[in-house]
Structure formats: C-alpha cells, structure tokens
Amino acid sequence: MHTATIKNHSTLVDEVPSLRILQLASGDLWAGAEVMVYNLAVELNASAKVSLQVVLLNDGELASRLRQAGVAVTVLDESRLGFFHLLKRLVQLDRQFQPHVIHTHRRKENILGACASLSRRGCRSIRTVHGDEEHPPRWYQLPQRLVRLADRLAGRFLQKKVVAVSDELAERLSHRYGSSRVVTIFNGIDPQAVRDRADAAENPFTEDENRFRVALVGRMVPVKRVDLFLQTAALAEQQGEKGFAFYVIGDGPQLAAMKQMAEQLKLHSVQFLGYRDNTPAYL
C-alpha cells in the first residue's frame, strides 16, 4: 500500500477545519471522471475549512497529478487486494482520519464507501454518478448482476445523496434512487488554468489554419460515439466540402476500430492525434 501521511485527529482539531472529506475513486484511467475528481480535490485541498484525504484503488495518472498538487493520497492496490481486504483497509483509514463525508465515484467504490461509512457514527457517504451504465448485465451474468444490485441498494439505502453531472442523468437516477436523494452538480474546471496552458503552447494546427477545424476530444469508448463523428466527416466530404479538418484526440480500447472505420470510409480530412496531455492547446 502506497500511503501519504494522514494528520491525526488532534492536529486536525488544532487547525480547526470544519469539514473532513475522504474522496474514494478508482484512478485506473485519466478520463473525464478522473479529471473531475482531480479538479474537485485540488479546490477542496486549497480551502482552509476542509481537510482532505483521497483514496485511490490504482496508482496511475490521477494519483501522480494529485501528489504533484500537494493532495494527500493513499493507494490501496485493487490488483493485489480483494474486496473485503480493501474494505478492511478503508475502515482503518476511516477510523484514523474520521471524515464527515466519504465521497465515492463508480460502482465498486460506491459499495466500499457506503459500507465503510457504517463503521462509525457521524460519517455520511455520497456518490457522484458520472454517466449511466452503457451495457446492463444480461440475465445469465449473475456476478455482474449481484454487483449492480449491491451498488443500487447502497445508493438507495446507505448513501445520503446521489450527485448527477447533468439534468438528463438526474432524471433517470431519480426513478432509481428517489428524487429527494438526487441532485445535479455540473462538472467544473479552472478557467484560468485552461487559458494559461493554452497560451503557453504552440499552435498545433499550423497546416490547417485556413480550414474550419472540428475536434472530438475524449476517451475512445462506445459511449462517446466516435463513429457518428466519422460519419459526419464522411458526409462533409461526400458533399464536396473542402474547408473542413476533423481531429480525433484521445486514446482508448476503440481507437484501432475507429481508425479502421476511417479507412473504410476513405476519409481524407480526419486525423487521429491519440492521447494529448495538453488538450487546451487544441481548443
């Protein structure tokens, strides 16, 4: 277990933070949900009224960036620890840090955080739902169905609030968890940080300065519908539009399939740029 030093309770009282928060996330990717967790953690960590501890189940890009930002991070490696061992470690951290709130992200973390919050009075668990499930488990996929059921029961009965990142998602979640439990909080960014990173970078589009540039930025997974983006580019080419340049920025399991689709459509105006760690420069 990779761990950062957690301030003891007496020290926290001396510093008089009014709220102790434990963020629980997977951290296996660096995508939209992880960026949101990062931005939220950095802002909370900057507040004198909040004492923050982030617990991740993977030591990846999110963990690295949080450490660089000065956020206290503990990694419980899910590749080495089973569910109940993870829960035991999380309960230990809960009793040491004594958070008022355990904020969870994604299914496994929702169940772990909800269960851990029951181990001590005065602790409440909430979840943020970053998107609805794409492919519900089929009737014969019993383990997946049981995990899904446990997640929904945790959200319905053990966690105090369910945060949706859009009104449309909130509407769907209200039928599942009850409208009184669901609130909408849109994802936020640091506008000045985005502008600073964009201004510090060179223009990556020097070859296409005179064309109308259209970009899709995201992880290459089915829910992003990169296929529709490519079909749009194909339609523009078929109609003889020469003034467009299309860019696909991001990596993921569907990248190879999308490149193959672009070849099949004989697209000349589309470029796949892969993962970029400074996307503001492309905006």
C-alpha atoms as a PDB file:
ATOM      1  CA  MET A   1       0.000   0.000   0.000  1.00  0.00           C
ATOM      2  CA  HIS A   2       1.369   3.388  -1.010  1.00  0.00           C
ATOM      3  CA  THR A   3       0.220   5.920   1.557  1.00  0.00           C
ATOM      4  CA  ALA A   4       0.614   9.540   2.419  1.00  0.00           C
ATOM      5  CA  THR A   5       0.813  10.753   5.985  1.00  0.00           C
ATOM      6  CA  ILE A   6      -2.639  11.384   7.431  1.00  0.00           C
ATOM      7  CA  LYS A   7      -2.878  14.088  10.071  1.00  0.00           C
ATOM      8  CA  ASN A   8      -4.050  12.755  13.414  1.00  0.00           C
ATOM      9  CA  HIS A   9      -7.344  13.928  14.857  1.00  0.00           C
ATOM     10  CA  SER A  10      -5.842  16.228  17.490  1.00  0.00           C
ATOM     11  CA  THR A  11      -3.830  18.070  14.850  1.00  0.00           C
ATOM     12  CA  LEU A  12      -6.937  18.495  12.737  1.00  0.00           C
ATOM     13  CA  VAL A  13      -8.823  19.964  15.678  1.00  0.00           C
ATOM     14  CA  ASP A  14      -5.984  22.413  16.375  1.00  0.00           C
ATOM     15  CA  GLU A  15      -6.162  23.619  12.761  1.00  0.00           C
ATOM     16  CA  VAL A  16      -9.937  23.942  13.072  1.00  0.00           C
ATOM     17  CA  PRO A  17     -11.089  22.644   9.674  1.00  0.00           C
ATOM     18  CA  SER A  18     -14.864  22.475   9.741  1.00  0.00           C
ATOM     19  CA  LEU A  19     -15.134  19.524   7.376  1.00  0.00           C
ATOM     20  CA  ARG A  20     -13.103  16.369   6.796  1.00  0.00           C
ATOM     21  CA  ILE A  21     -13.688  14.701   3.429  1.00  0.00           C
ATOM     22  CA  LEU A  22     -12.445  11.386   2.076  1.00  0.00           C
ATOM     23  CA  GLN A  23     -12.632  11.031  -1.708  1.00  0.00           C
ATOM     24  CA  LEU A  24     -12.714   7.413  -2.949  1.00  0.00           C
ATOM     25  CA  ALA A  25     -12.084   6.667  -6.633  1.00  0.00           C
ATOM     26  CA  SER A  26     -10.546   4.011  -8.859  1.00  0.00           C
ATOM     27  CA  GLY A  27      -7.830   6.083 -10.510  1.00  0.00           C
ATOM     28  CA  ASP A  28      -7.179   3.445 -13.166  1.00  0.00           C
ATOM     29  CA  LEU A  29      -7.732   5.868 -16.062  1.00  0.00           C
ATOM     30  CA  TRP A  30      -7.197   9.515 -16.887  1.00  0.00           C
ATOM     31  CA  ALA A  31     -10.524  10.473 -18.431  1.00  0.00           C
ATOM     32  CA  GLY A  32     -13.484  12.722 -17.696  1.00  0.00           C
ATOM     33  CA  ALA A  33     -14.377  11.352 -14.270  1.00  0.00           C
ATOM     34  CA  GLU A  34     -10.756  11.395 -13.153  1.00  0.00           C
ATOM     35  CA  VAL A  35     -10.286  14.981 -14.310  1.00  0.00           C
ATOM     36  CA  MET A  36     -13.375  15.963 -12.326  1.00  0.00           C
ATOM     37  CA  VAL A  37     -12.022  14.192  -9.219  1.00  0.00           C
ATOM     38  CA  TYR A  38      -8.697  15.969  -9.683  1.00  0.00           C
ATOM     39  CA  ASN A  39     -10.237  19.437 -10.054  1.00  0.00           C
ATOM     40  CA  LEU A  40     -12.524  18.891  -7.075  1.00  0.00           C
ATOM     41  CA  ALA A  41      -9.720  17.557  -4.885  1.00  0.00           C
ATOM     42  CA  VAL A  42      -7.373  20.431  -5.718  1.00  0.00           C
ATOM     43  CA  GLU A  43     -10.029  23.032  -4.908  1.00  0.00           C
ATOM     44  CA  LEU A  44     -11.057  21.314  -1.660  1.00  0.00           C
ATOM     45  CA  ASN A  45      -7.433  20.954  -0.640  1.00  0.00           C
ATOM     46  CA  ALA A  46      -6.934  24.693  -1.085  1.00  0.00           C
ATOM     47  CA  SER A  47      -9.721  25.501   1.370  1.00  0.00           C
ATOM     48  CA  ALA A  48      -8.722  26.219   4.966  1.00  0.00           C
ATOM     49  CA  LYS A  49     -12.117  24.902   6.037  1.00  0.00           C
ATOM     50  CA  VAL A  50     -11.569  21.422   4.590  1.00  0.00           C
ATOM     51  CA  SER A  51      -9.200  18.601   5.480  1.00  0.00           C
ATOM     52  CA  LEU A  52      -8.983  16.222   2.534  1.00  0.00           C
ATOM     53  CA  GLN A  53      -7.770  12.667   2.026  1.00  0.00           C
ATOM     54  CA  VAL A  54      -8.002  10.944  -1.369  1.00  0.00           C
ATOM     55  CA  VAL A  55      -8.032   7.142  -1.529  1.00  0.00           C
ATOM     56  CA  LEU A  56      -7.453   5.509  -4.921  1.00  0.00           C
ATOM     57  CA  LEU A  57      -7.526   1.853  -5.929  1.00  0.00           C
ATOM     58  CA  ASN A  58      -4.830   2.283  -8.593  1.00  0.00           C
ATOM     59  CA  ASP A  59      -1.539   4.168  -8.659  1.00  0.00           C
ATOM     60  CA  GLY A  60      -1.905   5.869 -12.031  1.00  0.00           C
ATOM     61  CA  GLU A  61      -2.028   9.286 -13.654  1.00  0.00           C
ATOM     62  CA  LEU A  62      -4.609  10.639 -11.217  1.00  0.00           C
ATOM     63  CA  ALA A  63      -2.513   9.662  -8.191  1.00  0.00           C
ATOM     64  CA  SER A  64       0.580  11.222  -9.745  1.00  0.00           C
ATOM     65  CA  ARG A  65      -1.126  14.520 -10.545  1.00  0.00           C
ATOM     66  CA  LEU A  66      -2.735  14.754  -7.113  1.00  0.00           C
ATOM     67  CA  ARG A  67       0.611  14.231  -5.399  1.00  0.00           C
ATOM     68  CA  GLN A  68       2.168  16.935  -7.562  1.00  0.00           C
ATOM     69  CA  ALA A  69      -0.651  19.259  -6.485  1.00  0.00           C
ATOM     70  CA  GLY A  70       0.094  18.577  -2.811  1.00  0.00           C
ATOM     71  CA  VAL A  71      -3.006  16.483  -2.114  1.00  0.00           C
ATOM     72  CA  ALA A  72      -2.719  13.668   0.447  1.00  0.00           C
ATOM     73  CA  VAL A  73      -3.177  10.393  -1.463  1.00  0.00           C
ATOM     74  CA  THR A  74      -3.432   6.810  -0.249  1.00  0.00           C
ATOM     75  CA  VAL A  75      -3.376   3.979  -2.791  1.00  0.00           C
ATOM     76  CA  LEU A  76      -4.999   0.651  -1.955  1.00  0.00           C
ATOM     77  CA  ASP A  77      -3.950  -1.525  -4.880  1.00  0.00           C
ATOM     78  CA  GLU A  78      -7.025  -3.413  -6.091  1.00  0.00           C
ATOM     79  CA  SER A  79      -4.840  -5.691  -8.221  1.00  0.00           C
ATOM     80  CA  ARG A  80      -3.403  -7.159  -5.000  1.00  0.00           C
ATOM     81  CA  LEU A  81      -6.256  -6.708  -2.530  1.00  0.00           C
ATOM     82  CA  GLY A  82      -9.637  -8.405  -2.672  1.00  0.00           C
ATOM     83  CA  PHE A  83     -12.888  -6.639  -1.865  1.00  0.00           C
ATOM     84  CA  PHE A  84     -13.009  -7.488   1.834  1.00  0.00           C
ATOM     85  CA  HIS A  85      -9.329  -6.661   2.317  1.00  0.00           C
ATOM     86  CA  LEU A  86      -9.952  -3.313   0.626  1.00  0.00           C
ATOM     87  CA  LEU A  87     -12.929  -2.730   2.908  1.00  0.00           C
ATOM     88  CA  LYS A  88     -10.846  -3.564   5.981  1.00  0.00           C
ATOM     89  CA  ARG A  89      -8.135  -1.082   4.962  1.00  0.00           C
ATOM     90  CA  LEU A  90     -10.726   1.551   4.159  1.00  0.00           C
ATOM     91  CA  VAL A  91     -12.386   1.141   7.564  1.00  0.00           C
ATOM     92  CA  GLN A  92      -8.974   1.546   9.194  1.00  0.00           C
ATOM     93  CA  LEU A  93      -8.411   4.776   7.266  1.00  0.00           C
ATOM     94  CA  ASP A  94     -11.899   5.940   8.171  1.00  0.00           C
ATOM     95  CA  ARG A  95     -11.262   5.469  11.878  1.00  0.00           C
ATOM     96  CA  GLN A  96      -7.883   7.180  11.641  1.00  0.00           C
ATOM     97  CA  PHE A  97      -8.959  10.165   9.538  1.00  0.00           C
ATOM     98  CA  GLN A  98     -12.565  10.310  10.849  1.00  0.00           C
ATOM     99  CA  PRO A  99     -14.130  12.002   7.813  1.00  0.00           C
ATOM    100  CA  HIS A 100     -17.515  13.641   7.987  1.00  0.00           C
ATOM    101  CA  VAL A 101     -18.113  12.687   4.346  1.00  0.00           C
ATOM    102  CA  ILE A 102     -16.977   9.783   2.159  1.00  0.00           C
ATOM    103  CA  HIS A 103     -17.476  10.814  -1.473  1.00  0.00           C
ATOM    104  CA  THR A 104     -17.393   7.908  -3.930  1.00  0.00           C
ATOM    105  CA  HIS A 105     -17.082   7.572  -7.705  1.00  0.00           C
ATOM    106  CA  ARG A 106     -18.057   4.430  -9.687  1.00  0.00           C
ATOM    107  CA  ARG A 107     -19.685   1.175  -8.717  1.00  0.00           C
ATOM    108  CA  LYS A 108     -17.045  -0.684  -6.702  1.00  0.00           C
ATOM    109  CA  GLU A 109     -16.048   2.453  -4.826  1.00  0.00           C
ATOM    110  CA  ASN A 110     -19.716   3.221  -4.105  1.00  0.00           C
ATOM    111  CA  ILE A 111     -20.166  -0.114  -2.355  1.00  0.00           C
ATOM    112  CA  LEU A 112     -16.887   0.157  -0.446  1.00  0.00           C
ATOM    113  CA  GLY A 113     -17.515   3.726   0.674  1.00  0.00           C
ATOM    114  CA  ALA A 114     -21.108   3.075   1.707  1.00  0.00           C
ATOM    115  CA  CYS A 115     -20.089   0.061   3.805  1.00  0.00           C
ATOM    116  CA  ALA A 116     -17.146   1.894   5.388  1.00  0.00           C
ATOM    117  CA  SER A 117     -19.380   4.795   6.404  1.00  0.00           C
ATOM    118  CA  LEU A 118     -21.424   2.408   8.559  1.00  0.00           C
ATOM    119  CA  SER A 119     -18.428   1.581  10.754  1.00  0.00           C
ATOM    120  CA  ARG A 120     -18.569   4.877  12.651  1.00  0.00           C
ATOM    121  CA  ARG A 121     -21.190   7.374  13.729  1.00  0.00           C
ATOM    122  CA  GLY A 122     -21.024  10.832  12.256  1.00  0.00           C
ATOM    123  CA  CYS A 123     -19.871   9.700   8.819  1.00  0.00           C
ATOM    124  CA  ARG A 124     -22.025  10.166   5.731  1.00  0.00           C
ATOM    125  CA  SER A 125     -21.443   8.756   2.273  1.00  0.00           C
ATOM    126  CA  ILE A 126     -22.430  10.361  -1.031  1.00  0.00           C
ATOM    127  CA  ARG A 127     -21.731   9.378  -4.627  1.00  0.00           C
ATOM    128  CA  THR A 128     -21.239  11.163  -7.917  1.00  0.00           C
ATOM    129  CA  VAL A 129     -22.582   9.365 -10.985  1.00  0.00           C
ATOM    130  CA  HIS A 130     -20.538  10.456 -13.994  1.00  0.00           C
ATOM    131  CA  GLY A 131     -22.658   8.604 -16.557  1.00  0.00           C
ATOM    132  CA  ASP A 132     -25.302   5.911 -16.764  1.00  0.00           C
ATOM    133  CA  GLU A 133     -24.363   2.319 -17.484  1.00  0.00           C
ATOM    134  CA  GLU A 134     -23.872   1.587 -21.171  1.00  0.00           C
ATOM    135  CA  HIS A 135     -24.480  -2.169 -21.207  1.00  0.00           C
ATOM    136  CA  PRO A 136     -26.557  -3.614 -18.339  1.00  0.00           C
ATOM    137  CA  PRO A 137     -25.533  -7.192 -17.487  1.00  0.00           C
ATOM    138  CA  ARG A 138     -27.538  -9.930 -19.173  1.00  0.00           C
ATOM    139  CA  TRP A 139     -29.724 -12.298 -17.186  1.00  0.00           C
ATOM    140  CA  TYR A 140     -27.086 -15.053 -17.148  1.00  0.00           C
ATOM    141  CA  GLN A 141     -24.284 -12.773 -15.877  1.00  0.00           C
ATOM    142  CA  LEU A 142     -25.070 -13.427 -12.228  1.00  0.00           C
ATOM    143  CA  PRO A 143     -21.902 -11.947 -10.600  1.00  0.00           C
ATOM    144  CA  GLN A 144     -22.289  -8.680 -12.533  1.00  0.00           C
ATOM    145  CA  ARG A 145     -25.994  -8.532 -11.691  1.00  0.00           C
ATOM    146  CA  LEU A 146     -25.251  -9.027  -7.980  1.00  0.00           C
ATOM    147  CA  VAL A 147     -22.671  -6.228  -8.001  1.00  0.00           C
ATOM    148  CA  ARG A 148     -25.133  -3.981  -9.806  1.00  0.00           C
ATOM    149  CA  LEU A 149     -27.805  -4.805  -7.219  1.00  0.00           C
ATOM    150  CA  ALA A 150     -25.414  -4.111  -4.331  1.00  0.00           C
ATOM    151  CA  ASP A 151     -24.500  -0.770  -5.894  1.00  0.00           C
ATOM    152  CA  ARG A 152     -28.130   0.249  -6.262  1.00  0.00           C
ATOM    153  CA  LEU A 153     -29.012  -0.835  -2.732  1.00  0.00           C
ATOM    154  CA  ALA A 154     -26.072   1.178  -1.401  1.00  0.00           C
ATOM    155  CA  GLY A 155     -27.242   4.258  -3.281  1.00  0.00           C
ATOM    156  CA  ARG A 156     -30.840   3.787  -2.209  1.00  0.00           C
ATOM    157  CA  PHE A 157     -30.384   2.984   1.477  1.00  0.00           C
ATOM    158  CA  LEU A 158     -26.809   3.653   2.655  1.00  0.00           C
ATOM    159  CA  GLN A 159     -25.676   6.801   0.868  1.00  0.00           C
ATOM    160  CA  LYS A 160     -27.262  10.141   1.676  1.00  0.00           C
ATOM    161  CA  LYS A 161     -27.062  11.836  -1.705  1.00  0.00           C
ATOM    162  CA  VAL A 162     -26.595  10.871  -5.344  1.00  0.00           C
ATOM    163  CA  VAL A 163     -24.956  13.599  -7.427  1.00  0.00           C
ATOM    164  CA  ALA A 164     -25.653  13.624 -11.167  1.00  0.00           C
ATOM    165  CA  VAL A 165     -23.478  15.624 -13.566  1.00  0.00           C
ATOM    166  CA  SER A 166     -26.376  16.562 -15.863  1.00  0.00           C
ATOM    167  CA  ASP A 167     -30.104  17.177 -15.561  1.00  0.00           C
ATOM    168  CA  GLU A 168     -30.862  14.364 -18.001  1.00  0.00           C
ATOM    169  CA  LEU A 169     -28.886  11.902 -15.888  1.00  0.00           C
ATOM    170  CA  ALA A 170     -30.549  13.210 -12.720  1.00  0.00           C
ATOM    171  CA  GLU A 171     -33.965  12.497 -14.202  1.00  0.00           C
ATOM    172  CA  ARG A 172     -33.033   8.867 -14.846  1.00  0.00           C
ATOM    173  CA  LEU A 173     -31.409   8.427 -11.452  1.00  0.00           C
ATOM    174  CA  SER A 174     -34.466   9.858  -9.685  1.00  0.00           C
ATOM    175  CA  HIS A 175     -36.502   6.840 -10.774  1.00  0.00           C
ATOM    176  CA  ARG A 176     -33.813   4.579  -9.346  1.00  0.00           C
ATOM    177  CA  TYR A 177     -32.955   6.267  -6.057  1.00  0.00           C
ATOM    178  CA  GLY A 178     -35.823   8.680  -5.412  1.00  0.00           C
ATOM    179  CA  SER A 179     -35.953  12.344  -6.379  1.00  0.00           C
ATOM    180  CA  SER A 180     -35.199  13.517  -2.822  1.00  0.00           C
ATOM    181  CA  ARG A 181     -31.785  11.840  -2.932  1.00  0.00           C
ATOM    182  CA  VAL A 182     -30.666  13.065  -6.348  1.00  0.00           C
ATOM    183  CA  VAL A 183     -29.102  16.473  -7.002  1.00  0.00           C
ATOM    184  CA  THR A 184     -27.405  17.905 -10.088  1.00  0.00           C
ATOM    185  CA  ILE A 185     -23.937  19.439  -9.831  1.00  0.00           C
ATOM    186  CA  PHE A 186     -22.276  20.158 -13.161  1.00  0.00           C
ATOM    187  CA  ASN A 187     -18.605  19.369 -13.645  1.00  0.00           C
ATOM    188  CA  GLY A 188     -16.344  22.349 -13.104  1.00  0.00           C
ATOM    189  CA  ILE A 189     -12.971  23.460 -14.389  1.00  0.00           C
ATOM    190  CA  ASP A 190     -10.416  26.111 -13.519  1.00  0.00           C
ATOM    191  CA  PRO A 191     -10.844  28.546 -16.463  1.00  0.00           C
ATOM    192  CA  GLN A 192      -7.647  30.447 -15.754  1.00  0.00           C
ATOM    193  CA  ALA A 193      -5.590  27.250 -15.637  1.00  0.00           C
ATOM    194  CA  VAL A 194      -7.043  26.201 -19.000  1.00  0.00           C
ATOM    195  CA  ARG A 195      -6.239  29.586 -20.537  1.00  0.00           C
ATOM    196  CA  ASP A 196      -2.714  29.563 -19.127  1.00  0.00           C
ATOM    197  CA  ARG A 197      -1.977  26.106 -20.545  1.00  0.00           C
ATOM    198  CA  ALA A 198      -3.415  27.056 -23.915  1.00  0.00           C
ATOM    199  CA  ASP A 199      -1.431  30.304 -24.085  1.00  0.00           C
ATOM    200  CA  ALA A 200       1.820  28.555 -23.155  1.00  0.00           C
ATOM    201  CA  ALA A 201       1.556  26.044 -26.013  1.00  0.00           C
ATOM    202  CA  GLU A 202       2.417  26.474 -29.659  1.00  0.00           C
ATOM    203  CA  ASN A 203      -0.355  26.369 -32.240  1.00  0.00           C
ATOM    204  CA  PRO A 204      -0.621  22.693 -33.285  1.00  0.00           C
ATOM    205  CA  PHE A 205      -2.738  23.488 -36.357  1.00  0.00           C
ATOM    206  CA  THR A 206      -0.298  25.483 -38.479  1.00  0.00           C
ATOM    207  CA  GLU A 207      -1.021  23.302 -41.537  1.00  0.00           C
ATOM    208  CA  ASP A 208      -4.789  23.821 -41.309  1.00  0.00           C
ATOM    209  CA  GLU A 209      -5.009  27.482 -40.306  1.00  0.00           C
ATOM    210  CA  ASN A 210      -7.285  28.303 -43.247  1.00  0.00           C
ATOM    211  CA  ARG A 211      -9.718  25.436 -42.679  1.00  0.00           C
ATOM    212  CA  PHE A 212     -12.668  25.149 -40.308  1.00  0.00           C
ATOM    213  CA  ARG A 213     -11.403  22.774 -37.613  1.00  0.00           C
ATOM    214  CA  VAL A 214     -13.713  20.315 -35.841  1.00  0.00           C
ATOM    215  CA  ALA A 215     -12.377  18.173 -32.991  1.00  0.00           C
ATOM    216  CA  LEU A 216     -13.667  15.337 -30.850  1.00  0.00           C
ATOM    217  CA  VAL A 217     -11.806  15.129 -27.534  1.00  0.00           C
ATOM    218  CA  GLY A 218     -12.442  12.106 -25.335  1.00  0.00           C
ATOM    219  CA  ARG A 219     -11.696   8.527 -24.484  1.00  0.00           C
ATOM    220  CA  MET A 220     -12.208   6.083 -27.339  1.00  0.00           C
ATOM    221  CA  VAL A 221     -15.126   4.111 -25.881  1.00  0.00           C
ATOM    222  CA  PRO A 222     -18.572   3.319 -27.364  1.00  0.00           C
ATOM    223  CA  VAL A 223     -20.495   5.913 -25.345  1.00  0.00           C
ATOM    224  CA  LYS A 224     -18.504   8.734 -26.986  1.00  0.00           C
ATOM    225  CA  ARG A 225     -19.929   7.734 -30.410  1.00  0.00           C
ATOM    226  CA  VAL A 226     -16.766   8.425 -32.352  1.00  0.00           C
ATOM    227  CA  ASP A 227     -18.441   6.516 -35.183  1.00  0.00           C
ATOM    228  CA  LEU A 228     -21.003   9.314 -35.587  1.00  0.00           C
ATOM    229  CA  PHE A 229     -18.196  11.867 -35.700  1.00  0.00           C
ATOM    230  CA  LEU A 230     -16.537   9.928 -38.520  1.00  0.00           C
ATOM    231  CA  GLN A 231     -19.839   9.595 -40.382  1.00  0.00           C
ATOM    232  CA  THR A 232     -20.265  13.371 -40.124  1.00  0.00           C
ATOM    233  CA  ALA A 233     -16.818  13.860 -41.647  1.00  0.00           C
ATOM    234  CA  ALA A 234     -17.706  11.405 -44.415  1.00  0.00           C
ATOM    235  CA  LEU A 235     -20.922  13.299 -45.171  1.00  0.00           C
ATOM    236  CA  ALA A 236     -18.990  16.577 -45.422  1.00  0.00           C
ATOM    237  CA  GLU A 237     -16.530  15.016 -47.865  1.00  0.00           C
ATOM    238  CA  GLN A 238     -19.314  13.458 -49.939  1.00  0.00           C
ATOM    239  CA  GLN A 239     -20.943  16.878 -50.298  1.00  0.00           C
ATOM    240  CA  GLY A 240     -17.692  18.290 -51.615  1.00  0.00           C
ATOM    241  CA  GLU A 241     -16.832  20.376 -48.567  1.00  0.00           C
ATOM    242  CA  LYS A 242     -13.104  21.165 -48.762  1.00  0.00           C
ATOM    243  CA  GLY A 243     -12.852  23.699 -45.958  1.00  0.00           C
ATOM    244  CA  PHE A 244     -13.115  21.283 -43.022  1.00  0.00           C
ATOM    245  CA  ALA A 245     -10.435  19.498 -40.995  1.00  0.00           C
ATOM    246  CA  PHE A 246     -11.530  16.881 -38.449  1.00  0.00           C
ATOM    247  CA  TYR A 247      -9.438  15.755 -35.478  1.00  0.00           C
ATOM    248  CA  VAL A 248      -9.916  12.860 -33.063  1.00  0.00           C
ATOM    249  CA  ILE A 249      -7.994  13.473 -29.836  1.00  0.00           C
ATOM    250  CA  GLY A 250      -7.813  10.683 -27.274  1.00  0.00           C
ATOM    251  CA  ASP A 251      -6.928   7.068 -26.678  1.00  0.00           C
ATOM    252  CA  GLY A 252      -8.844   4.006 -25.591  1.00  0.00           C
ATOM    253  CA  PRO A 253      -9.967   0.495 -26.489  1.00  0.00           C
ATOM    254  CA  GLN A 254     -11.865   1.579 -29.625  1.00  0.00           C
ATOM    255  CA  LEU A 255      -9.027   3.567 -31.198  1.00  0.00           C
ATOM    256  CA  ALA A 256      -7.926   0.828 -33.609  1.00  0.00           C
ATOM    257  CA  ALA A 257     -11.520   0.107 -34.654  1.00  0.00           C
ATOM    258  CA  MET A 258     -12.201   3.788 -35.307  1.00  0.00           C
ATOM    259  CA  LYS A 259      -9.050   4.121 -37.412  1.00  0.00           C
ATOM    260  CA  GLN A 260     -10.184   1.106 -39.415  1.00  0.00           C
ATOM    261  CA  MET A 261     -13.611   2.689 -39.879  1.00  0.00           C
ATOM    262  CA  ALA A 262     -11.971   5.888 -41.155  1.00  0.00           C
ATOM    263  CA  GLU A 263     -10.034   3.837 -43.712  1.00  0.00           C
ATOM    264  CA  GLN A 264     -13.200   2.052 -44.828  1.00  0.00           C
ATOM    265  CA  LEU A 265     -14.939   5.411 -45.278  1.00  0.00           C
ATOM    266  CA  LYS A 266     -11.879   6.654 -47.226  1.00  0.00           C
ATOM    267  CA  LEU A 267     -11.676   9.800 -45.130  1.00  0.00           C
ATOM    268  CA  HIS A 268      -9.007  12.334 -46.083  1.00  0.00           C
ATOM    269  CA  SER A 269      -9.992  15.163 -43.753  1.00  0.00           C
ATOM    270  CA  VAL A 270      -9.673  13.218 -40.466  1.00  0.00           C
ATOM    271  CA  GLN A 271      -6.552  12.966 -38.318  1.00  0.00           C
ATOM    272  CA  PHE A 272      -6.193  10.763 -35.228  1.00  0.00           C
ATOM    273  CA  LEU A 273      -3.876  12.547 -32.808  1.00  0.00           C
ATOM    274  CA  GLY A 274      -4.030   9.997 -29.977  1.00  0.00           C
ATOM    275  CA  TYR A 275      -3.646  10.972 -26.334  1.00  0.00           C
ATOM    276  CA  ARG A 276      -2.522  14.536 -25.642  1.00  0.00           C
ATOM    277  CA  ASP A 277      -1.647  15.733 -22.150  1.00  0.00           C
ATOM    278  CA  ASN A 278      -2.248  19.375 -23.081  1.00  0.00           C
ATOM    279  CA  THR A 279      -5.659  19.402 -24.717  1.00  0.00           C
ATOM    280  CA  PRO A 280      -6.238  23.141 -24.005  1.00  0.00           C
ATOM    281  CA  ALA A 281      -3.681  23.863 -26.728  1.00  0.00           C
ATOM    282  CA  TYR A 282      -6.041  22.194 -29.215  1.00  0.00           C
ATOM    283  CA  LEU A 283      -9.063  24.172 -28.114  1.00  0.00           C
END
